PDBML (XML) file of the C-alpha atoms, coordinates in Angstrom:
<?xml version="1.0" encoding="UTF-8" ?>
<PDBx:datablock datablockName="MODEL"
   xmlns:PDBx="http://pdbml.pdb.org/schema/pdbx-v50.xsd"
   xmlns:xsi="http://www.w3.org/2001/XMLSchema-instance"
   xsi:schemaLocation="http://pdbml.pdb.org/schema/pdbx-v50.xsd pdbx-v50.xsd">
   <PDBx:atom_siteCategory>
      <PDBx:atom_site id="1">
         <PDBx:B_iso_or_equiv>0.00</PDBx:B_iso_or_equiv>
         <PDBx:Cartn_x>-26.466</PDBx:Cartn_x>
         <PDBx:Cartn_y>-81.310</PDBx:Cartn_y>
         <PDBx:Cartn_z>296.271</PDBx:Cartn_z>
         <PDBx:auth_asym_id>A</PDBx:auth_asym_id>
         <PDBx:auth_atom_id>CA</PDBx:auth_atom_id>
         <PDBx:auth_comp_id>PHE</PDBx:auth_comp_id>
         <PDBx:auth_seq_id>1</PDBx:auth_seq_id>
         <PDBx:group_PDB>ATOM</PDBx:group_PDB>
         <PDBx:label_alt_id xsi:nil="true" />
         <PDBx:label_asym_id>A</PDBx:label_asym_id>
         <PDBx:label_atom_id>CA</PDBx:label_atom_id>
         <PDBx:label_comp_id>PHE</PDBx:label_comp_id>
         <PDBx:label_entity_id>1</PDBx:label_entity_id>
         <PDBx:label_seq_id>1</PDBx:label_seq_id>
         <PDBx:occupancy>1.00</PDBx:occupancy>
         <PDBx:pdbx_PDB_model_num>1</PDBx:pdbx_PDB_model_num>
         <PDBx:type_symbol>C</PDBx:type_symbol>
      </PDBx:atom_site>
      <PDBx:atom_site id="2">
         <PDBx:B_iso_or_equiv>0.00</PDBx:B_iso_or_equiv>
         <PDBx:Cartn_x>-24.273</PDBx:Cartn_x>
         <PDBx:Cartn_y>-79.882</PDBx:Cartn_y>
         <PDBx:Cartn_z>293.537</PDBx:Cartn_z>
         <PDBx:auth_asym_id>A</PDBx:auth_asym_id>
         <PDBx:auth_atom_id>CA</PDBx:auth_atom_id>
         <PDBx:auth_comp_id>ARG</PDBx:auth_comp_id>
         <PDBx:auth_seq_id>2</PDBx:auth_seq_id>
         <PDBx:group_PDB>ATOM</PDBx:group_PDB>
         <PDBx:label_alt_id xsi:nil="true" />
         <PDBx:label_asym_id>A</PDBx:label_asym_id>
         <PDBx:label_atom_id>CA</PDBx:label_atom_id>
         <PDBx:label_comp_id>ARG</PDBx:label_comp_id>
         <PDBx:label_entity_id>1</PDBx:label_entity_id>
         <PDBx:label_seq_id>2</PDBx:label_seq_id>
         <PDBx:occupancy>1.00</PDBx:occupancy>
         <PDBx:pdbx_PDB_model_num>1</PDBx:pdbx_PDB_model_num>
         <PDBx:type_symbol>C</PDBx:type_symbol>
      </PDBx:atom_site>
      <PDBx:atom_site id="3">
         <PDBx:B_iso_or_equiv>0.00</PDBx:B_iso_or_equiv>
         <PDBx:Cartn_x>-26.306</PDBx:Cartn_x>
         <PDBx:Cartn_y>-80.449</PDBx:Cartn_y>
         <PDBx:Cartn_z>290.393</PDBx:Cartn_z>
         <PDBx:auth_asym_id>A</PDBx:auth_asym_id>
         <PDBx:auth_atom_id>CA</PDBx:auth_atom_id>
         <PDBx:auth_comp_id>GLY</PDBx:auth_comp_id>
         <PDBx:auth_seq_id>3</PDBx:auth_seq_id>
         <PDBx:group_PDB>ATOM</PDBx:group_PDB>
         <PDBx:label_alt_id xsi:nil="true" />
         <PDBx:label_asym_id>A</PDBx:label_asym_id>
         <PDBx:label_atom_id>CA</PDBx:label_atom_id>
         <PDBx:label_comp_id>GLY</PDBx:label_comp_id>
         <PDBx:label_entity_id>1</PDBx:label_entity_id>
         <PDBx:label_seq_id>3</PDBx:label_seq_id>
         <PDBx:occupancy>1.00</PDBx:occupancy>
         <PDBx:pdbx_PDB_model_num>1</PDBx:pdbx_PDB_model_num>
         <PDBx:type_symbol>C</PDBx:type_symbol>
      </PDBx:atom_site>
      <PDBx:atom_site id="4">
         <PDBx:B_iso_or_equiv>0.00</PDBx:B_iso_or_equiv>
         <PDBx:Cartn_x>-23.547</PDBx:Cartn_x>
         <PDBx:Cartn_y>-82.096</PDBx:Cartn_y>
         <PDBx:Cartn_z>288.372</PDBx:Cartn_z>
         <PDBx:auth_asym_id>A</PDBx:auth_asym_id>
         <PDBx:auth_atom_id>CA</PDBx:auth_atom_id>
         <PDBx:auth_comp_id>ASN</PDBx:auth_comp_id>
         <PDBx:auth_seq_id>4</PDBx:auth_seq_id>
         <PDBx:group_PDB>ATOM</PDBx:group_PDB>
         <PDBx:label_alt_id xsi:nil="true" />
         <PDBx:label_asym_id>A</PDBx:label_asym_id>
         <PDBx:label_atom_id>CA</PDBx:label_atom_id>
         <PDBx:label_comp_id>ASN</PDBx:label_comp_id>
         <PDBx:label_entity_id>1</PDBx:label_entity_id>
         <PDBx:label_seq_id>4</PDBx:label_seq_id>
         <PDBx:occupancy>1.00</PDBx:occupancy>
         <PDBx:pdbx_PDB_model_num>1</PDBx:pdbx_PDB_model_num>
         <PDBx:type_symbol>C</PDBx:type_symbol>
      </PDBx:atom_site>
      <PDBx:atom_site id="5">
         <PDBx:B_iso_or_equiv>0.00</PDBx:B_iso_or_equiv>
         <PDBx:Cartn_x>-22.617</PDBx:Cartn_x>
         <PDBx:Cartn_y>-84.398</PDBx:Cartn_y>
         <PDBx:Cartn_z>291.255</PDBx:Cartn_z>
         <PDBx:auth_asym_id>A</PDBx:auth_asym_id>
         <PDBx:auth_atom_id>CA</PDBx:auth_atom_id>
         <PDBx:auth_comp_id>ARG</PDBx:auth_comp_id>
         <PDBx:auth_seq_id>5</PDBx:auth_seq_id>
         <PDBx:group_PDB>ATOM</PDBx:group_PDB>
         <PDBx:label_alt_id xsi:nil="true" />
         <PDBx:label_asym_id>A</PDBx:label_asym_id>
         <PDBx:label_atom_id>CA</PDBx:label_atom_id>
         <PDBx:label_comp_id>ARG</PDBx:label_comp_id>
         <PDBx:label_entity_id>1</PDBx:label_entity_id>
         <PDBx:label_seq_id>5</PDBx:label_seq_id>
         <PDBx:occupancy>1.00</PDBx:occupancy>
         <PDBx:pdbx_PDB_model_num>1</PDBx:pdbx_PDB_model_num>
         <PDBx:type_symbol>C</PDBx:type_symbol>
      </PDBx:atom_site>
      <PDBx:atom_site id="6">
         <PDBx:B_iso_or_equiv>0.00</PDBx:B_iso_or_equiv>
         <PDBx:Cartn_x>-26.110</PDBx:Cartn_x>
         <PDBx:Cartn_y>-85.824</PDBx:Cartn_y>
         <PDBx:Cartn_z>291.737</PDBx:Cartn_z>
         <PDBx:auth_asym_id>A</PDBx:auth_asym_id>
         <PDBx:auth_atom_id>CA</PDBx:auth_atom_id>
         <PDBx:auth_comp_id>SER</PDBx:auth_comp_id>
         <PDBx:auth_seq_id>6</PDBx:auth_seq_id>
         <PDBx:group_PDB>ATOM</PDBx:group_PDB>
         <PDBx:label_alt_id xsi:nil="true" />
         <PDBx:label_asym_id>A</PDBx:label_asym_id>
         <PDBx:label_atom_id>CA</PDBx:label_atom_id>
         <PDBx:label_comp_id>SER</PDBx:label_comp_id>
         <PDBx:label_entity_id>1</PDBx:label_entity_id>
         <PDBx:label_seq_id>6</PDBx:label_seq_id>
         <PDBx:occupancy>1.00</PDBx:occupancy>
         <PDBx:pdbx_PDB_model_num>1</PDBx:pdbx_PDB_model_num>
         <PDBx:type_symbol>C</PDBx:type_symbol>
      </PDBx:atom_site>
      <PDBx:atom_site id="7">
         <PDBx:B_iso_or_equiv>0.00</PDBx:B_iso_or_equiv>
         <PDBx:Cartn_x>-27.588</PDBx:Cartn_x>
         <PDBx:Cartn_y>-89.177</PDBx:Cartn_y>
         <PDBx:Cartn_z>290.798</PDBx:Cartn_z>
         <PDBx:auth_asym_id>A</PDBx:auth_asym_id>
         <PDBx:auth_atom_id>CA</PDBx:auth_atom_id>
         <PDBx:auth_comp_id>ILE</PDBx:auth_comp_id>
         <PDBx:auth_seq_id>7</PDBx:auth_seq_id>
         <PDBx:group_PDB>ATOM</PDBx:group_PDB>
         <PDBx:label_alt_id xsi:nil="true" />
         <PDBx:label_asym_id>A</PDBx:label_asym_id>
         <PDBx:label_atom_id>CA</PDBx:label_atom_id>
         <PDBx:label_comp_id>ILE</PDBx:label_comp_id>
         <PDBx:label_entity_id>1</PDBx:label_entity_id>
         <PDBx:label_seq_id>7</PDBx:label_seq_id>
         <PDBx:occupancy>1.00</PDBx:occupancy>
         <PDBx:pdbx_PDB_model_num>1</PDBx:pdbx_PDB_model_num>
         <PDBx:type_symbol>C</PDBx:type_symbol>
      </PDBx:atom_site>
      <PDBx:atom_site id="8">
         <PDBx:B_iso_or_equiv>0.00</PDBx:B_iso_or_equiv>
         <PDBx:Cartn_x>-31.016</PDBx:Cartn_x>
         <PDBx:Cartn_y>-90.693</PDBx:Cartn_y>
         <PDBx:Cartn_z>291.287</PDBx:Cartn_z>
         <PDBx:auth_asym_id>A</PDBx:auth_asym_id>
         <PDBx:auth_atom_id>CA</PDBx:auth_atom_id>
         <PDBx:auth_comp_id>LYS</PDBx:auth_comp_id>
         <PDBx:auth_seq_id>8</PDBx:auth_seq_id>
         <PDBx:group_PDB>ATOM</PDBx:group_PDB>
         <PDBx:label_alt_id xsi:nil="true" />
         <PDBx:label_asym_id>A</PDBx:label_asym_id>
         <PDBx:label_atom_id>CA</PDBx:label_atom_id>
         <PDBx:label_comp_id>LYS</PDBx:label_comp_id>
         <PDBx:label_entity_id>1</PDBx:label_entity_id>
         <PDBx:label_seq_id>8</PDBx:label_seq_id>
         <PDBx:occupancy>1.00</PDBx:occupancy>
         <PDBx:pdbx_PDB_model_num>1</PDBx:pdbx_PDB_model_num>
         <PDBx:type_symbol>C</PDBx:type_symbol>
      </PDBx:atom_site>
      <PDBx:atom_site id="9">
         <PDBx:B_iso_or_equiv>0.00</PDBx:B_iso_or_equiv>
         <PDBx:Cartn_x>-30.150</PDBx:Cartn_x>
         <PDBx:Cartn_y>-93.509</PDBx:Cartn_y>
         <PDBx:Cartn_z>293.675</PDBx:Cartn_z>
         <PDBx:auth_asym_id>A</PDBx:auth_asym_id>
         <PDBx:auth_atom_id>CA</PDBx:auth_atom_id>
         <PDBx:auth_comp_id>ALA</PDBx:auth_comp_id>
         <PDBx:auth_seq_id>9</PDBx:auth_seq_id>
         <PDBx:group_PDB>ATOM</PDBx:group_PDB>
         <PDBx:label_alt_id xsi:nil="true" />
         <PDBx:label_asym_id>A</PDBx:label_asym_id>
         <PDBx:label_atom_id>CA</PDBx:label_atom_id>
         <PDBx:label_comp_id>ALA</PDBx:label_comp_id>
         <PDBx:label_entity_id>1</PDBx:label_entity_id>
         <PDBx:label_seq_id>9</PDBx:label_seq_id>
         <PDBx:occupancy>1.00</PDBx:occupancy>
         <PDBx:pdbx_PDB_model_num>1</PDBx:pdbx_PDB_model_num>
         <PDBx:type_symbol>C</PDBx:type_symbol>
      </PDBx:atom_site>
      <PDBx:atom_site id="10">
         <PDBx:B_iso_or_equiv>0.00</PDBx:B_iso_or_equiv>
         <PDBx:Cartn_x>-33.528</PDBx:Cartn_x>
         <PDBx:Cartn_y>-94.678</PDBx:Cartn_y>
         <PDBx:Cartn_z>294.965</PDBx:Cartn_z>
         <PDBx:auth_asym_id>A</PDBx:auth_asym_id>
         <PDBx:auth_atom_id>CA</PDBx:auth_atom_id>
         <PDBx:auth_comp_id>TYR</PDBx:auth_comp_id>
         <PDBx:auth_seq_id>10</PDBx:auth_seq_id>
         <PDBx:group_PDB>ATOM</PDBx:group_PDB>
         <PDBx:label_alt_id xsi:nil="true" />
         <PDBx:label_asym_id>A</PDBx:label_asym_id>
         <PDBx:label_atom_id>CA</PDBx:label_atom_id>
         <PDBx:label_comp_id>TYR</PDBx:label_comp_id>
         <PDBx:label_entity_id>1</PDBx:label_entity_id>
         <PDBx:label_seq_id>10</PDBx:label_seq_id>
         <PDBx:occupancy>1.00</PDBx:occupancy>
         <PDBx:pdbx_PDB_model_num>1</PDBx:pdbx_PDB_model_num>
         <PDBx:type_symbol>C</PDBx:type_symbol>
      </PDBx:atom_site>
      <PDBx:atom_site id="11">
         <PDBx:B_iso_or_equiv>0.00</PDBx:B_iso_or_equiv>
         <PDBx:Cartn_x>-36.494</PDBx:Cartn_x>
         <PDBx:Cartn_y>-95.320</PDBx:Cartn_y>
         <PDBx:Cartn_z>292.677</PDBx:Cartn_z>
         <PDBx:auth_asym_id>A</PDBx:auth_asym_id>
         <PDBx:auth_atom_id>CA</PDBx:auth_atom_id>
         <PDBx:auth_comp_id>ALA</PDBx:auth_comp_id>
         <PDBx:auth_seq_id>11</PDBx:auth_seq_id>
         <PDBx:group_PDB>ATOM</PDBx:group_PDB>
         <PDBx:label_alt_id xsi:nil="true" />
         <PDBx:label_asym_id>A</PDBx:label_asym_id>
         <PDBx:label_atom_id>CA</PDBx:label_atom_id>
         <PDBx:label_comp_id>ALA</PDBx:label_comp_id>
         <PDBx:label_entity_id>1</PDBx:label_entity_id>
         <PDBx:label_seq_id>11</PDBx:label_seq_id>
         <PDBx:occupancy>1.00</PDBx:occupancy>
         <PDBx:pdbx_PDB_model_num>1</PDBx:pdbx_PDB_model_num>
         <PDBx:type_symbol>C</PDBx:type_symbol>
      </PDBx:atom_site>
      <PDBx:atom_site id="12">
         <PDBx:B_iso_or_equiv>0.00</PDBx:B_iso_or_equiv>
         <PDBx:Cartn_x>-39.325</PDBx:Cartn_x>
         <PDBx:Cartn_y>-94.934</PDBx:Cartn_y>
         <PDBx:Cartn_z>295.181</PDBx:Cartn_z>
         <PDBx:auth_asym_id>A</PDBx:auth_asym_id>
         <PDBx:auth_atom_id>CA</PDBx:auth_atom_id>
         <PDBx:auth_comp_id>ASP</PDBx:auth_comp_id>
         <PDBx:auth_seq_id>12</PDBx:auth_seq_id>
         <PDBx:group_PDB>ATOM</PDBx:group_PDB>
         <PDBx:label_alt_id xsi:nil="true" />
         <PDBx:label_asym_id>A</PDBx:label_asym_id>
         <PDBx:label_atom_id>CA</PDBx:label_atom_id>
         <PDBx:label_comp_id>ASP</PDBx:label_comp_id>
         <PDBx:label_entity_id>1</PDBx:label_entity_id>
         <PDBx:label_seq_id>12</PDBx:label_seq_id>
         <PDBx:occupancy>1.00</PDBx:occupancy>
         <PDBx:pdbx_PDB_model_num>1</PDBx:pdbx_PDB_model_num>
         <PDBx:type_symbol>C</PDBx:type_symbol>
      </PDBx:atom_site>
      <PDBx:atom_site id="13">
         <PDBx:B_iso_or_equiv>0.00</PDBx:B_iso_or_equiv>
         <PDBx:Cartn_x>-37.900</PDBx:Cartn_x>
         <PDBx:Cartn_y>-93.492</PDBx:Cartn_y>
         <PDBx:Cartn_z>298.395</PDBx:Cartn_z>
         <PDBx:auth_asym_id>A</PDBx:auth_asym_id>
         <PDBx:auth_atom_id>CA</PDBx:auth_atom_id>
         <PDBx:auth_comp_id>GLY</PDBx:auth_comp_id>
         <PDBx:auth_seq_id>13</PDBx:auth_seq_id>
         <PDBx:group_PDB>ATOM</PDBx:group_PDB>
         <PDBx:label_alt_id xsi:nil="true" />
         <PDBx:label_asym_id>A</PDBx:label_asym_id>
         <PDBx:label_atom_id>CA</PDBx:label_atom_id>
         <PDBx:label_comp_id>GLY</PDBx:label_comp_id>
         <PDBx:label_entity_id>1</PDBx:label_entity_id>
         <PDBx:label_seq_id>13</PDBx:label_seq_id>
         <PDBx:occupancy>1.00</PDBx:occupancy>
         <PDBx:pdbx_PDB_model_num>1</PDBx:pdbx_PDB_model_num>
         <PDBx:type_symbol>C</PDBx:type_symbol>
      </PDBx:atom_site>
      <PDBx:atom_site id="14">
         <PDBx:B_iso_or_equiv>0.00</PDBx:B_iso_or_equiv>
         <PDBx:Cartn_x>-38.027</PDBx:Cartn_x>
         <PDBx:Cartn_y>-89.939</PDBx:Cartn_y>
         <PDBx:Cartn_z>299.700</PDBx:Cartn_z>
         <PDBx:auth_asym_id>A</PDBx:auth_asym_id>
         <PDBx:auth_atom_id>CA</PDBx:auth_atom_id>
         <PDBx:auth_comp_id>PHE</PDBx:auth_comp_id>
         <PDBx:auth_seq_id>14</PDBx:auth_seq_id>
         <PDBx:group_PDB>ATOM</PDBx:group_PDB>
         <PDBx:label_alt_id xsi:nil="true" />
         <PDBx:label_asym_id>A</PDBx:label_asym_id>
         <PDBx:label_atom_id>CA</PDBx:label_atom_id>
         <PDBx:label_comp_id>PHE</PDBx:label_comp_id>
         <PDBx:label_entity_id>1</PDBx:label_entity_id>
         <PDBx:label_seq_id>14</PDBx:label_seq_id>
         <PDBx:occupancy>1.00</PDBx:occupancy>
         <PDBx:pdbx_PDB_model_num>1</PDBx:pdbx_PDB_model_num>
         <PDBx:type_symbol>C</PDBx:type_symbol>
      </PDBx:atom_site>
      <PDBx:atom_site id="15">
         <PDBx:B_iso_or_equiv>0.00</PDBx:B_iso_or_equiv>
         <PDBx:Cartn_x>-34.216</PDBx:Cartn_x>
         <PDBx:Cartn_y>-89.976</PDBx:Cartn_y>
         <PDBx:Cartn_z>299.753</PDBx:Cartn_z>
         <PDBx:auth_asym_id>A</PDBx:auth_asym_id>
         <PDBx:auth_atom_id>CA</PDBx:auth_atom_id>
         <PDBx:auth_comp_id>ASN</PDBx:auth_comp_id>
         <PDBx:auth_seq_id>15</PDBx:auth_seq_id>
         <PDBx:group_PDB>ATOM</PDBx:group_PDB>
         <PDBx:label_alt_id xsi:nil="true" />
         <PDBx:label_asym_id>A</PDBx:label_asym_id>
         <PDBx:label_atom_id>CA</PDBx:label_atom_id>
         <PDBx:label_comp_id>ASN</PDBx:label_comp_id>
         <PDBx:label_entity_id>1</PDBx:label_entity_id>
         <PDBx:label_seq_id>15</PDBx:label_seq_id>
         <PDBx:occupancy>1.00</PDBx:occupancy>
         <PDBx:pdbx_PDB_model_num>1</PDBx:pdbx_PDB_model_num>
         <PDBx:type_symbol>C</PDBx:type_symbol>
      </PDBx:atom_site>
      <PDBx:atom_site id="16">
         <PDBx:B_iso_or_equiv>0.00</PDBx:B_iso_or_equiv>
         <PDBx:Cartn_x>-34.239</PDBx:Cartn_x>
         <PDBx:Cartn_y>-90.437</PDBx:Cartn_y>
         <PDBx:Cartn_z>295.993</PDBx:Cartn_z>
         <PDBx:auth_asym_id>A</PDBx:auth_asym_id>
         <PDBx:auth_atom_id>CA</PDBx:auth_atom_id>
         <PDBx:auth_comp_id>ALA</PDBx:auth_comp_id>
         <PDBx:auth_seq_id>16</PDBx:auth_seq_id>
         <PDBx:group_PDB>ATOM</PDBx:group_PDB>
         <PDBx:label_alt_id xsi:nil="true" />
         <PDBx:label_asym_id>A</PDBx:label_asym_id>
         <PDBx:label_atom_id>CA</PDBx:label_atom_id>
         <PDBx:label_comp_id>ALA</PDBx:label_comp_id>
         <PDBx:label_entity_id>1</PDBx:label_entity_id>
         <PDBx:label_seq_id>16</PDBx:label_seq_id>
         <PDBx:occupancy>1.00</PDBx:occupancy>
         <PDBx:pdbx_PDB_model_num>1</PDBx:pdbx_PDB_model_num>
         <PDBx:type_symbol>C</PDBx:type_symbol>
      </PDBx:atom_site>
      <PDBx:atom_site id="17">
         <PDBx:B_iso_or_equiv>0.00</PDBx:B_iso_or_equiv>
         <PDBx:Cartn_x>-30.989</PDBx:Cartn_x>
         <PDBx:Cartn_y>-88.563</PDBx:Cartn_y>
         <PDBx:Cartn_z>295.271</PDBx:Cartn_z>
         <PDBx:auth_asym_id>A</PDBx:auth_asym_id>
         <PDBx:auth_atom_id>CA</PDBx:auth_atom_id>
         <PDBx:auth_comp_id>PHE</PDBx:auth_comp_id>
         <PDBx:auth_seq_id>17</PDBx:auth_seq_id>
         <PDBx:group_PDB>ATOM</PDBx:group_PDB>
         <PDBx:label_alt_id xsi:nil="true" />
         <PDBx:label_asym_id>A</PDBx:label_asym_id>
         <PDBx:label_atom_id>CA</PDBx:label_atom_id>
         <PDBx:label_comp_id>PHE</PDBx:label_comp_id>
         <PDBx:label_entity_id>1</PDBx:label_entity_id>
         <PDBx:label_seq_id>17</PDBx:label_seq_id>
         <PDBx:occupancy>1.00</PDBx:occupancy>
         <PDBx:pdbx_PDB_model_num>1</PDBx:pdbx_PDB_model_num>
         <PDBx:type_symbol>C</PDBx:type_symbol>
      </PDBx:atom_site>
      <PDBx:atom_site id="18">
         <PDBx:B_iso_or_equiv>0.00</PDBx:B_iso_or_equiv>
         <PDBx:Cartn_x>-27.405</PDBx:Cartn_x>
         <PDBx:Cartn_y>-88.867</PDBx:Cartn_y>
         <PDBx:Cartn_z>296.370</PDBx:Cartn_z>
         <PDBx:auth_asym_id>A</PDBx:auth_asym_id>
         <PDBx:auth_atom_id>CA</PDBx:auth_atom_id>
         <PDBx:auth_comp_id>ASP</PDBx:auth_comp_id>
         <PDBx:auth_seq_id>18</PDBx:auth_seq_id>
         <PDBx:group_PDB>ATOM</PDBx:group_PDB>
         <PDBx:label_alt_id xsi:nil="true" />
         <PDBx:label_asym_id>A</PDBx:label_asym_id>
         <PDBx:label_atom_id>CA</PDBx:label_atom_id>
         <PDBx:label_comp_id>ASP</PDBx:label_comp_id>
         <PDBx:label_entity_id>1</PDBx:label_entity_id>
         <PDBx:label_seq_id>18</PDBx:label_seq_id>
         <PDBx:occupancy>1.00</PDBx:occupancy>
         <PDBx:pdbx_PDB_model_num>1</PDBx:pdbx_PDB_model_num>
         <PDBx:type_symbol>C</PDBx:type_symbol>
      </PDBx:atom_site>
      <PDBx:atom_site id="19">
         <PDBx:B_iso_or_equiv>0.00</PDBx:B_iso_or_equiv>
         <PDBx:Cartn_x>-24.034</PDBx:Cartn_x>
         <PDBx:Cartn_y>-87.280</PDBx:Cartn_y>
         <PDBx:Cartn_z>295.677</PDBx:Cartn_z>
         <PDBx:auth_asym_id>A</PDBx:auth_asym_id>
         <PDBx:auth_atom_id>CA</PDBx:auth_atom_id>
         <PDBx:auth_comp_id>SER</PDBx:auth_comp_id>
         <PDBx:auth_seq_id>19</PDBx:auth_seq_id>
         <PDBx:group_PDB>ATOM</PDBx:group_PDB>
         <PDBx:label_alt_id xsi:nil="true" />
         <PDBx:label_asym_id>A</PDBx:label_asym_id>
         <PDBx:label_atom_id>CA</PDBx:label_atom_id>
         <PDBx:label_comp_id>SER</PDBx:label_comp_id>
         <PDBx:label_entity_id>1</PDBx:label_entity_id>
         <PDBx:label_seq_id>19</PDBx:label_seq_id>
         <PDBx:occupancy>1.00</PDBx:occupancy>
         <PDBx:pdbx_PDB_model_num>1</PDBx:pdbx_PDB_model_num>
         <PDBx:type_symbol>C</PDBx:type_symbol>
      </PDBx:atom_site>
      <PDBx:atom_site id="20">
         <PDBx:B_iso_or_equiv>0.00</PDBx:B_iso_or_equiv>
         <PDBx:Cartn_x>-21.642</PDBx:Cartn_x>
         <PDBx:Cartn_y>-90.226</PDBx:Cartn_y>
         <PDBx:Cartn_z>296.057</PDBx:Cartn_z>
         <PDBx:auth_asym_id>A</PDBx:auth_asym_id>
         <PDBx:auth_atom_id>CA</PDBx:auth_atom_id>
         <PDBx:auth_comp_id>PRO</PDBx:auth_comp_id>
         <PDBx:auth_seq_id>20</PDBx:auth_seq_id>
         <PDBx:group_PDB>ATOM</PDBx:group_PDB>
         <PDBx:label_alt_id xsi:nil="true" />
         <PDBx:label_asym_id>A</PDBx:label_asym_id>
         <PDBx:label_atom_id>CA</PDBx:label_atom_id>
         <PDBx:label_comp_id>PRO</PDBx:label_comp_id>
         <PDBx:label_entity_id>1</PDBx:label_entity_id>
         <PDBx:label_seq_id>20</PDBx:label_seq_id>
         <PDBx:occupancy>1.00</PDBx:occupancy>
         <PDBx:pdbx_PDB_model_num>1</PDBx:pdbx_PDB_model_num>
         <PDBx:type_symbol>C</PDBx:type_symbol>
      </PDBx:atom_site>
      <PDBx:atom_site id="21">
         <PDBx:B_iso_or_equiv>0.00</PDBx:B_iso_or_equiv>
         <PDBx:Cartn_x>-18.331</PDBx:Cartn_x>
         <PDBx:Cartn_y>-88.403</PDBx:Cartn_y>
         <PDBx:Cartn_z>295.585</PDBx:Cartn_z>
         <PDBx:auth_asym_id>A</PDBx:auth_asym_id>
         <PDBx:auth_atom_id>CA</PDBx:auth_atom_id>
         <PDBx:auth_comp_id>ASN</PDBx:auth_comp_id>
         <PDBx:auth_seq_id>21</PDBx:auth_seq_id>
         <PDBx:group_PDB>ATOM</PDBx:group_PDB>
         <PDBx:label_alt_id xsi:nil="true" />
         <PDBx:label_asym_id>A</PDBx:label_asym_id>
         <PDBx:label_atom_id>CA</PDBx:label_atom_id>
         <PDBx:label_comp_id>ASN</PDBx:label_comp_id>
         <PDBx:label_entity_id>1</PDBx:label_entity_id>
         <PDBx:label_seq_id>21</PDBx:label_seq_id>
         <PDBx:occupancy>1.00</PDBx:occupancy>
         <PDBx:pdbx_PDB_model_num>1</PDBx:pdbx_PDB_model_num>
         <PDBx:type_symbol>C</PDBx:type_symbol>
      </PDBx:atom_site>
      <PDBx:atom_site id="22">
         <PDBx:B_iso_or_equiv>0.00</PDBx:B_iso_or_equiv>
         <PDBx:Cartn_x>-19.078</PDBx:Cartn_x>
         <PDBx:Cartn_y>-85.041</PDBx:Cartn_y>
         <PDBx:Cartn_z>297.200</PDBx:Cartn_z>
         <PDBx:auth_asym_id>A</PDBx:auth_asym_id>
         <PDBx:auth_atom_id>CA</PDBx:auth_atom_id>
         <PDBx:auth_comp_id>MET</PDBx:auth_comp_id>
         <PDBx:auth_seq_id>22</PDBx:auth_seq_id>
         <PDBx:group_PDB>ATOM</PDBx:group_PDB>
         <PDBx:label_alt_id xsi:nil="true" />
         <PDBx:label_asym_id>A</PDBx:label_asym_id>
         <PDBx:label_atom_id>CA</PDBx:label_atom_id>
         <PDBx:label_comp_id>MET</PDBx:label_comp_id>
         <PDBx:label_entity_id>1</PDBx:label_entity_id>
         <PDBx:label_seq_id>22</PDBx:label_seq_id>
         <PDBx:occupancy>1.00</PDBx:occupancy>
         <PDBx:pdbx_PDB_model_num>1</PDBx:pdbx_PDB_model_num>
         <PDBx:type_symbol>C</PDBx:type_symbol>
      </PDBx:atom_site>
      <PDBx:atom_site id="23">
         <PDBx:B_iso_or_equiv>0.00</PDBx:B_iso_or_equiv>
         <PDBx:Cartn_x>-20.747</PDBx:Cartn_x>
         <PDBx:Cartn_y>-83.948</PDBx:Cartn_y>
         <PDBx:Cartn_z>300.448</PDBx:Cartn_z>
         <PDBx:auth_asym_id>A</PDBx:auth_asym_id>
         <PDBx:auth_atom_id>CA</PDBx:auth_atom_id>
         <PDBx:auth_comp_id>PRO</PDBx:auth_comp_id>
         <PDBx:auth_seq_id>23</PDBx:auth_seq_id>
         <PDBx:group_PDB>ATOM</PDBx:group_PDB>
         <PDBx:label_alt_id xsi:nil="true" />
         <PDBx:label_asym_id>A</PDBx:label_asym_id>
         <PDBx:label_atom_id>CA</PDBx:label_atom_id>
         <PDBx:label_comp_id>PRO</PDBx:label_comp_id>
         <PDBx:label_entity_id>1</PDBx:label_entity_id>
         <PDBx:label_seq_id>23</PDBx:label_seq_id>
         <PDBx:occupancy>1.00</PDBx:occupancy>
         <PDBx:pdbx_PDB_model_num>1</PDBx:pdbx_PDB_model_num>
         <PDBx:type_symbol>C</PDBx:type_symbol>
      </PDBx:atom_site>
      <PDBx:atom_site id="24">
         <PDBx:B_iso_or_equiv>0.00</PDBx:B_iso_or_equiv>
         <PDBx:Cartn_x>-23.997</PDBx:Cartn_x>
         <PDBx:Cartn_y>-81.952</PDBx:Cartn_y>
         <PDBx:Cartn_z>300.187</PDBx:Cartn_z>
         <PDBx:auth_asym_id>A</PDBx:auth_asym_id>
         <PDBx:auth_atom_id>CA</PDBx:auth_atom_id>
         <PDBx:auth_comp_id>PRO</PDBx:auth_comp_id>
         <PDBx:auth_seq_id>24</PDBx:auth_seq_id>
         <PDBx:group_PDB>ATOM</PDBx:group_PDB>
         <PDBx:label_alt_id xsi:nil="true" />
         <PDBx:label_asym_id>A</PDBx:label_asym_id>
         <PDBx:label_atom_id>CA</PDBx:label_atom_id>
         <PDBx:label_comp_id>PRO</PDBx:label_comp_id>
         <PDBx:label_entity_id>1</PDBx:label_entity_id>
         <PDBx:label_seq_id>24</PDBx:label_seq_id>
         <PDBx:occupancy>1.00</PDBx:occupancy>
         <PDBx:pdbx_PDB_model_num>1</PDBx:pdbx_PDB_model_num>
         <PDBx:type_symbol>C</PDBx:type_symbol>
      </PDBx:atom_site>
      <PDBx:atom_site id="25">
         <PDBx:B_iso_or_equiv>0.00</PDBx:B_iso_or_equiv>
         <PDBx:Cartn_x>-23.719</PDBx:Cartn_x>
         <PDBx:Cartn_y>-78.214</PDBx:Cartn_y>
         <PDBx:Cartn_z>299.626</PDBx:Cartn_z>
         <PDBx:auth_asym_id>A</PDBx:auth_asym_id>
         <PDBx:auth_atom_id>CA</PDBx:auth_atom_id>
         <PDBx:auth_comp_id>LEU</PDBx:auth_comp_id>
         <PDBx:auth_seq_id>25</PDBx:auth_seq_id>
         <PDBx:group_PDB>ATOM</PDBx:group_PDB>
         <PDBx:label_alt_id xsi:nil="true" />
         <PDBx:label_asym_id>A</PDBx:label_asym_id>
         <PDBx:label_atom_id>CA</PDBx:label_atom_id>
         <PDBx:label_comp_id>LEU</PDBx:label_comp_id>
         <PDBx:label_entity_id>1</PDBx:label_entity_id>
         <PDBx:label_seq_id>25</PDBx:label_seq_id>
         <PDBx:occupancy>1.00</PDBx:occupancy>
         <PDBx:pdbx_PDB_model_num>1</PDBx:pdbx_PDB_model_num>
         <PDBx:type_symbol>C</PDBx:type_symbol>
      </PDBx:atom_site>
   </PDBx:atom_siteCategory>
</PDBx:datablock>
């Protein structure tokens, strides 16, 4: 993900991060 578009979305899952308003790089 773009670093400044990322959030931690899941506290204890492997898919912990998301980029809600931009597709992955």
